[in-house]
Amino acid sequence: MATRNYETLYIVRPELKDGEIQKIADKFKKVVEDKGGKVASAEKWEKRKLAYEIAGLKEGNYVMMHFESEGDVPAELNRLMRISDDVVRHMITSKEA
């Protein structure tokens, strides 16, 4: 199976501290690496106001991760982000080469 480049942007709860956000980012990075993928970058952006209210929240901490992996890794990331209480929204996209 061929590897592809992916980008995932996720929003975590606004009340989380930098250390807690880093633990979440490290957890998702480890999922990619444990399944044989390579993480190019995983960086926290500043807290931003949301375009619309989500579950009573008006702002959130954004995290962007770029990685290369086979097709099953984004599906697993999607599953884990959906069940995480700390992730408010997420989006995983394939970047065409």
C-alpha atoms as a PDB file:
ATOM      1  CA  MET A   1       0.000   0.000   0.000  1.00  0.00           C
ATOM      2  CA  ALA A   2       1.332   3.447  -0.899  1.00  0.00           C
ATOM      3  CA  THR A   3       1.815   6.224   1.597  1.00  0.00           C
ATOM      4  CA  ARG A   4       0.141   9.603   1.235  1.00  0.00           C
ATOM      5  CA  ASN A   5       0.601  12.993   2.818  1.00  0.00           C
ATOM      6  CA  TYR A   6      -2.111  14.119   5.201  1.00  0.00           C
ATOM      7  CA  GLU A   7      -2.906  17.179   7.211  1.00  0.00           C
ATOM      8  CA  THR A   8      -5.123  17.230  10.258  1.00  0.00           C
ATOM      9  CA  LEU A   9      -6.431  20.282  12.034  1.00  0.00           C
ATOM     10  CA  TYR A  10      -8.163  19.781  15.343  1.00  0.00           C
ATOM     11  CA  ILE A  11      -9.588  22.062  17.987  1.00  0.00           C
ATOM     12  CA  VAL A  12      -9.236  21.203  21.663  1.00  0.00           C
ATOM     13  CA  ARG A  13     -11.095  22.666  24.609  1.00  0.00           C
ATOM     14  CA  PRO A  14     -10.150  26.287  25.439  1.00  0.00           C
ATOM     15  CA  GLU A  15      -9.579  25.730  29.169  1.00  0.00           C
ATOM     16  CA  LEU A  16      -6.714  23.286  28.625  1.00  0.00           C
ATOM     17  CA  LYS A  17      -3.193  24.428  29.550  1.00  0.00           C
ATOM     18  CA  ASP A  18      -0.250  24.196  27.142  1.00  0.00           C
ATOM     19  CA  GLY A  19       1.075  21.048  28.828  1.00  0.00           C
ATOM     20  CA  GLU A  20      -2.284  19.289  28.494  1.00  0.00           C
ATOM     21  CA  ILE A  21      -2.557  20.298  24.838  1.00  0.00           C
ATOM     22  CA  GLN A  22       0.957  18.970  24.222  1.00  0.00           C
ATOM     23  CA  LYS A  23      -0.004  15.605  25.783  1.00  0.00           C
ATOM     24  CA  ILE A  24      -2.981  15.361  23.414  1.00  0.00           C
ATOM     25  CA  ALA A  25      -0.802  16.289  20.411  1.00  0.00           C
ATOM     26  CA  ASP A  26       1.814  13.722  21.478  1.00  0.00           C
ATOM     27  CA  LYS A  27      -0.882  11.037  21.812  1.00  0.00           C
ATOM     28  CA  PHE A  28      -2.110  11.569  18.244  1.00  0.00           C
ATOM     29  CA  LYS A  29       1.471  11.790  16.955  1.00  0.00           C
ATOM     30  CA  LYS A  30       2.228   8.441  18.619  1.00  0.00           C
ATOM     31  CA  VAL A  31      -0.794   6.830  16.917  1.00  0.00           C
ATOM     32  CA  VAL A  32       0.619   7.792  13.513  1.00  0.00           C
ATOM     33  CA  GLU A  33       4.148   6.630  14.378  1.00  0.00           C
ATOM     34  CA  ASP A  34       3.006   3.347  15.956  1.00  0.00           C
ATOM     35  CA  LYS A  35       1.236   2.470  12.694  1.00  0.00           C
ATOM     36  CA  GLY A  36       4.369   3.128  10.632  1.00  0.00           C
ATOM     37  CA  GLY A  37       3.668   6.733   9.606  1.00  0.00           C
ATOM     38  CA  LYS A  38       5.980   9.730   9.813  1.00  0.00           C
ATOM     39  CA  VAL A  39       4.938  13.004  11.442  1.00  0.00           C
ATOM     40  CA  ALA A  40       6.515  15.991   9.683  1.00  0.00           C
ATOM     41  CA  SER A  41       5.182  18.562  12.153  1.00  0.00           C
ATOM     42  CA  ALA A  42       2.665  18.958  14.957  1.00  0.00           C
ATOM     43  CA  GLU A  43       2.267  22.492  16.185  1.00  0.00           C
ATOM     44  CA  LYS A  44      -0.129  24.299  18.471  1.00  0.00           C
ATOM     45  CA  TRP A  45      -1.578  27.514  17.180  1.00  0.00           C
ATOM     46  CA  GLU A  46      -2.827  30.188  19.552  1.00  0.00           C
ATOM     47  CA  LYS A  47      -6.291  30.099  21.085  1.00  0.00           C
ATOM     48  CA  ARG A  48      -8.802  31.463  18.576  1.00  0.00           C
ATOM     49  CA  LYS A  49     -12.404  32.515  18.547  1.00  0.00           C
ATOM     50  CA  LEU A  50     -14.606  29.951  16.808  1.00  0.00           C
ATOM     51  CA  ALA A  51     -16.668  31.002  13.781  1.00  0.00           C
ATOM     52  CA  TYR A  52     -19.738  29.696  15.589  1.00  0.00           C
ATOM     53  CA  GLU A  53     -20.482  28.275  19.006  1.00  0.00           C
ATOM     54  CA  ILE A  54     -19.814  24.539  19.384  1.00  0.00           C
ATOM     55  CA  ALA A  55     -21.238  22.738  22.419  1.00  0.00           C
ATOM     56  CA  GLY A  56     -21.400  26.037  24.318  1.00  0.00           C
ATOM     57  CA  LEU A  57     -17.773  26.947  23.505  1.00  0.00           C
ATOM     58  CA  LYS A  58     -16.865  30.217  21.803  1.00  0.00           C
ATOM     59  CA  GLU A  59     -13.114  29.630  21.424  1.00  0.00           C
ATOM     60  CA  GLY A  60     -10.660  26.766  21.175  1.00  0.00           C
ATOM     61  CA  ASN A  61      -6.997  25.819  20.886  1.00  0.00           C
ATOM     62  CA  TYR A  62      -6.041  24.805  17.350  1.00  0.00           C
ATOM     63  CA  VAL A  63      -3.440  22.125  16.585  1.00  0.00           C
ATOM     64  CA  MET A  64      -2.126  21.356  13.078  1.00  0.00           C
ATOM     65  CA  MET A  65      -0.341  18.104  12.264  1.00  0.00           C
ATOM     66  CA  HIS A  66       1.247  17.093   8.932  1.00  0.00           C
ATOM     67  CA  PHE A  67       2.057  13.424   8.432  1.00  0.00           C
ATOM     68  CA  GLU A  68       2.737  10.709   5.880  1.00  0.00           C
ATOM     69  CA  SER A  69       1.139   7.290   6.242  1.00  0.00           C
ATOM     70  CA  GLU A  70      -0.878   4.531   4.673  1.00  0.00           C
ATOM     71  CA  GLY A  71      -4.650   4.872   4.325  1.00  0.00           C
ATOM     72  CA  ASP A  72      -5.640   3.082   7.531  1.00  0.00           C
ATOM     73  CA  VAL A  73      -3.953   5.650   9.806  1.00  0.00           C
ATOM     74  CA  PRO A  74      -6.323   8.586   9.085  1.00  0.00           C
ATOM     75  CA  ALA A  75      -9.291   6.293   9.761  1.00  0.00           C
ATOM     76  CA  GLU A  76      -7.868   5.355  13.172  1.00  0.00           C
ATOM     77  CA  LEU A  77      -7.060   9.011  13.983  1.00  0.00           C
ATOM     78  CA  ASN A  78     -10.596   9.971  13.004  1.00  0.00           C
ATOM     79  CA  ARG A  79     -12.021   7.306  15.316  1.00  0.00           C
ATOM     80  CA  LEU A  80      -9.867   8.386  18.264  1.00  0.00           C
ATOM     81  CA  MET A  81     -10.576  12.099  17.781  1.00  0.00           C
ATOM     82  CA  ARG A  82     -14.328  11.461  17.589  1.00  0.00           C
ATOM     83  CA  ILE A  83     -14.357   9.696  20.962  1.00  0.00           C
ATOM     84  CA  SER A  84     -11.988  12.130  22.706  1.00  0.00           C
ATOM     85  CA  ASP A  85     -13.701  14.477  25.176  1.00  0.00           C
ATOM     86  CA  ASP A  86     -10.952  17.067  24.675  1.00  0.00           C
ATOM     87  CA  VAL A  87     -11.303  17.373  20.877  1.00  0.00           C
ATOM     88  CA  VAL A  88     -14.123  19.736  19.936  1.00  0.00           C
ATOM     89  CA  ARG A  89     -13.776  19.421  16.124  1.00  0.00           C
ATOM     90  CA  HIS A  90     -11.306  17.827  13.745  1.00  0.00           C
ATOM     91  CA  MET A  91     -10.639  17.521  10.034  1.00  0.00           C
ATOM     92  CA  ILE A  92      -8.224  15.178   8.245  1.00  0.00           C
ATOM     93  CA  THR A  93      -7.409  15.878   4.611  1.00  0.00           C
ATOM     94  CA  SER A  94      -5.188  14.195   2.046  1.00  0.00           C
ATOM     95  CA  LYS A  95      -2.659  16.523   0.423  1.00  0.00           C
ATOM     96  CA  GLU A  96      -2.144  15.773  -3.253  1.00  0.00           C
ATOM     97  CA  ALA A  97       1.520  15.609  -4.265  1.00  0.00           C
END
